[in-house]
Amino acid sequence: MTYVIAEPCVDELDRACVAECPVDCIYEGARTLYIQPDECVDCGACEPVCPVEAIYYEDDLPTALRPYAPDNAAFFTLTLPGREAPLGSPGGAGKLGPVGVDTPLVAGLPPQGG
């Protein structure tokens, strides 16, 4: 199990969780952030600093947000538009930088917030 970033982060992109993560496993897409499940050490440091309460332990995801668990993992296993290969486990978001694309679930959402 791991932590998951869900819909409340879409179009928010507050990076407080990125600054708090001791293993640099939170990656930036175009509209949201994603936690690399193989790099996450389940410390939970990201969860309390999220200002929009978008981060959940996978087992604690509310029913409406459960699709975000496989979607979060898919960010690293799918070949996303504009990428030549899946991201896999790059070994740190800081050295990779913003990826600039999202999964189909996130990309297909209408603009969030207001």
Protein backbone atom coordinates (compact mmCIF):
# COMPACT_ATOMS: atom_id res chain seq x y z
CA MET A 1 0.00 0.00 0.00
CA THR A 2 1.01 3.61 -0.50
CA TYR A 3 -0.31 7.14 -0.37
CA VAL A 4 -2.40 8.50 -3.24
CA ILE A 5 -3.08 12.02 -4.46
CA ALA A 6 -6.73 12.37 -5.50
CA GLU A 7 -9.02 14.82 -7.30
CA PRO A 8 -8.85 17.74 -4.81
CA CYS A 9 -5.29 18.36 -6.06
CA VAL A 10 -6.34 18.74 -9.70
CA ASP A 11 -5.65 22.31 -10.85
CA GLU A 12 -4.47 23.15 -7.32
CA LEU A 13 -0.86 21.91 -7.53
CA ASP A 14 0.11 23.18 -4.08
CA ARG A 15 3.57 21.75 -3.55
CA ALA A 16 3.68 21.68 0.26
CA CYS A 17 3.69 17.88 0.07
CA VAL A 18 6.67 17.91 -2.31
CA ALA A 19 8.69 20.02 0.14
CA GLU A 20 7.77 17.67 2.99
CA CYS A 21 8.50 14.35 1.24
CA PRO A 22 11.80 12.90 2.54
CA VAL A 23 12.28 10.58 -0.47
CA ASP A 24 11.30 12.95 -3.33
CA CYS A 25 8.60 10.60 -4.68
CA ILE A 26 5.93 13.18 -5.57
CA TYR A 27 5.99 13.99 -9.28
CA GLU A 28 4.32 16.87 -11.10
CA GLY A 29 2.00 16.31 -14.02
CA ALA A 30 0.30 19.11 -15.95
CA ARG A 31 -2.70 19.48 -13.63
CA THR A 32 -1.95 17.40 -10.55
CA LEU A 33 0.74 15.67 -8.53
CA TYR A 34 1.36 11.93 -8.38
CA ILE A 35 3.07 9.71 -5.80
CA GLN A 36 5.40 7.05 -7.24
CA PRO A 37 4.20 3.93 -5.35
CA ASP A 38 7.51 2.07 -5.55
CA GLU A 39 9.47 5.04 -4.20
CA CYS A 40 7.02 6.01 -1.43
CA VAL A 41 8.13 4.77 2.01
CA ASP A 42 4.67 5.27 3.56
CA CYS A 43 5.95 7.80 6.09
CA GLY A 44 2.78 9.92 5.80
CA ALA A 45 4.64 13.24 6.00
CA CYS A 46 2.80 14.53 2.92
CA GLU A 47 -0.74 13.95 4.16
CA PRO A 48 -1.06 16.54 6.96
CA VAL A 49 0.54 19.38 4.97
CA CYS A 50 -1.85 19.12 2.01
CA PRO A 51 -4.04 22.25 2.16
CA VAL A 52 -6.84 20.68 0.09
CA GLU A 53 -6.86 17.26 1.79
CA ALA A 54 -6.08 15.44 -1.46
CA ILE A 55 -3.66 12.86 -0.03
CA TYR A 56 -4.92 9.59 1.41
CA TYR A 57 -3.44 6.32 2.50
CA GLU A 58 -4.62 3.98 -0.25
CA ASP A 59 -6.82 1.91 2.09
CA ASP A 60 -8.50 5.09 3.39
CA LEU A 61 -9.61 6.55 0.05
CA PRO A 62 -13.29 7.55 0.11
CA THR A 63 -15.38 5.49 -2.31
CA ALA A 64 -15.74 8.36 -4.79
CA LEU A 65 -11.95 8.79 -4.96
CA ARG A 66 -10.97 5.11 -5.26
CA PRO A 67 -10.29 5.37 -9.02
CA TYR A 68 -7.32 7.57 -8.13
CA ALA A 69 -5.33 4.67 -6.64
CA PRO A 70 -4.84 2.81 -9.94
CA ASP A 71 -4.71 6.11 -11.81
CA ASN A 72 -1.87 7.37 -9.60
CA ALA A 73 0.11 4.19 -10.35
CA ALA A 74 -0.76 4.42 -14.07
CA PHE A 75 1.06 7.75 -14.28
CA PHE A 76 4.27 5.75 -13.94
CA THR A 77 3.35 2.64 -15.95
CA LEU A 78 1.55 4.05 -19.02
CA THR A 79 3.19 5.72 -21.99
CA LEU A 80 1.50 9.10 -21.68
CA PRO A 81 0.93 11.51 -24.58
CA GLY A 82 4.14 13.23 -25.59
CA ARG A 83 6.35 10.65 -23.81
CA GLU A 84 8.36 7.93 -25.54
CA ALA A 85 8.13 5.44 -22.67
CA PRO A 86 6.57 5.03 -19.23
CA LEU A 87 8.24 6.97 -16.42
CA GLY A 88 8.78 3.87 -14.31
CA SER A 89 10.73 4.68 -11.17
CA PRO A 90 12.93 7.67 -12.05
CA GLY A 91 14.48 7.79 -8.58
CA GLY A 92 13.44 11.29 -7.59
CA ALA A 93 11.08 13.95 -8.82
CA GLY A 94 13.55 16.79 -8.32
CA LYS A 95 15.99 15.58 -10.93
CA LEU A 96 13.18 14.82 -13.42
CA GLY A 97 11.24 18.06 -13.04
CA PRO A 98 7.64 18.64 -14.18
CA VAL A 99 6.42 15.96 -16.58
CA GLY A 100 3.83 18.23 -18.22
CA VAL A 101 1.20 15.56 -18.96
CA ASP A 102 -1.45 13.71 -16.97
CA THR A 103 -3.24 10.39 -17.00
CA PRO A 104 -6.39 10.16 -19.12
CA LEU A 105 -8.57 10.33 -15.98
CA VAL A 106 -7.08 13.66 -14.86
CA ALA A 107 -6.69 15.08 -18.37
CA GLY A 108 -10.38 14.40 -19.04
CA LEU A 109 -11.66 16.28 -15.99
CA PRO A 110 -13.25 19.70 -16.46
CA PRO A 111 -11.35 22.63 -14.91
CA GLN A 112 -11.48 22.41 -11.13
CA GLY A 113 -11.84 25.17 -8.57
CA GLY A 114 -13.05 28.56 -9.31
